[in-house]
Amino acid sequence: TDLGVDVEPLRLRATGAIQAPTMTTTVEVVGREAFGDAPPRVCAAASRIAAALGVVYAAFVFDGNQRLVALSANRPPGDAALTALGSLLSVRRRA
């Protein structure tokens, strides 16, 4: 895609349940910073998607093939993302 990431196709079991990938990696984006243990290319793609969506915080889940599985702006941030989010929001408040 133009944003540098493919989306994992939705897979359903015969029962209709979603077949989740066995291995995933999460990248949290706060402003222009990315947190997580994904490869730099995946972190950069998550940052581009967050910027395109205009969100201050989002969590992106990727499968083992580095395809986007899910994203959420409603998931509680991890420690590093929470610290960055607090800093970012306090700067915005002062401005």
Protein backbone atom coordinates (compact mmCIF):
# COMPACT_ATOMS: atom_id res chain seq x y z
CA THR A 1 0.00 0.00 0.00
CA ASP A 2 1.00 3.65 -0.15
CA LEU A 3 1.61 3.61 3.60
CA GLY A 4 4.11 0.75 3.39
CA VAL A 5 2.15 -2.08 4.98
CA ASP A 6 -0.08 -4.89 3.81
CA VAL A 7 -3.23 -5.92 5.65
CA GLU A 8 -3.66 -9.52 6.73
CA PRO A 9 -6.74 -11.04 5.11
CA LEU A 10 -9.58 -11.93 7.46
CA ARG A 11 -9.73 -15.69 7.95
CA LEU A 12 -12.76 -17.43 9.43
CA ARG A 13 -13.13 -20.94 10.78
CA ALA A 14 -16.03 -23.11 9.58
CA THR A 15 -17.87 -22.08 12.76
CA GLY A 16 -17.62 -18.41 11.77
CA ALA A 17 -15.03 -17.60 14.46
CA ILE A 18 -12.09 -15.44 13.45
CA GLN A 19 -8.87 -17.39 12.98
CA ALA A 20 -6.29 -15.22 14.72
CA PRO A 21 -2.62 -15.34 13.73
CA THR A 22 -0.45 -17.43 16.04
CA MET A 23 2.32 -14.84 16.34
CA THR A 24 1.81 -11.08 16.58
CA THR A 25 3.83 -7.97 17.38
CA THR A 26 2.38 -4.74 18.75
CA VAL A 27 3.64 -1.26 17.91
CA GLU A 28 2.32 1.73 19.85
CA VAL A 29 2.57 5.15 18.22
CA VAL A 30 2.48 8.41 20.16
CA GLY A 31 2.82 11.47 17.96
CA ARG A 32 5.82 10.63 15.78
CA GLU A 33 7.37 8.09 18.17
CA ALA A 34 6.91 4.32 17.83
CA PHE A 35 7.32 1.82 20.66
CA GLY A 36 7.58 -1.94 20.39
CA ASP A 37 9.94 -4.67 19.29
CA ALA A 38 8.86 -4.75 15.64
CA PRO A 39 11.45 -4.17 12.90
CA PRO A 40 12.12 -0.50 12.05
CA ARG A 41 10.21 -0.80 8.74
CA VAL A 42 7.07 -1.93 10.59
CA CYS A 43 7.43 0.82 13.23
CA ALA A 44 7.79 3.40 10.46
CA ALA A 45 4.70 2.06 8.67
CA ALA A 46 2.68 2.23 11.90
CA SER A 47 3.80 5.85 12.35
CA ARG A 48 2.73 6.71 8.80
CA ILE A 49 -0.71 5.16 9.33
CA ALA A 50 -1.19 7.03 12.62
CA ALA A 51 -0.21 10.30 10.91
CA ALA A 52 -2.57 9.63 8.00
CA LEU A 53 -5.40 8.97 10.46
CA GLY A 54 -4.52 12.05 12.50
CA VAL A 55 -4.44 10.20 15.82
CA VAL A 56 -2.20 11.12 18.75
CA TYR A 57 -2.08 7.53 20.06
CA ALA A 58 -2.77 4.14 18.48
CA ALA A 59 -1.69 0.54 18.95
CA PHE A 60 -1.05 -1.52 15.82
CA VAL A 61 -0.90 -5.32 15.77
CA PHE A 62 1.07 -7.08 13.03
CA ASP A 63 1.28 -10.78 12.20
CA GLY A 64 4.48 -12.79 11.68
CA ASN A 65 4.58 -11.65 8.04
CA GLN A 66 4.49 -7.99 9.15
CA ARG A 67 0.94 -7.49 7.85
CA LEU A 68 -1.48 -5.28 9.79
CA VAL A 69 -3.95 -7.37 11.79
CA ALA A 70 -5.65 -4.73 13.95
CA LEU A 71 -5.36 -1.21 15.26
CA SER A 72 -6.89 0.49 18.26
CA ALA A 73 -6.91 3.97 19.72
CA ASN A 74 -8.80 2.59 22.71
CA ARG A 75 -6.22 0.17 24.09
CA PRO A 76 -4.45 1.29 27.30
CA PRO A 77 -0.90 2.40 26.44
CA GLY A 78 2.16 0.56 27.74
CA ASP A 79 4.61 2.26 30.10
CA ALA A 80 6.85 3.89 27.46
CA ALA A 81 3.89 5.02 25.36
CA LEU A 82 2.10 6.34 28.44
CA THR A 83 5.11 8.47 29.40
CA ALA A 84 5.39 9.84 25.85
CA LEU A 85 1.65 10.47 25.70
CA GLY A 86 1.75 12.40 28.99
CA SER A 87 4.61 14.54 27.69
CA LEU A 88 2.92 15.17 24.37
CA LEU A 89 -0.39 16.13 25.94
CA SER A 90 1.23 18.43 28.50
CA VAL A 91 3.05 20.28 25.69
CA ARG A 92 -0.22 20.63 23.78
CA ARG A 93 -1.97 21.98 26.88
CA ARG A 94 0.70 24.68 27.41
CA ALA A 95 0.59 25.76 23.76
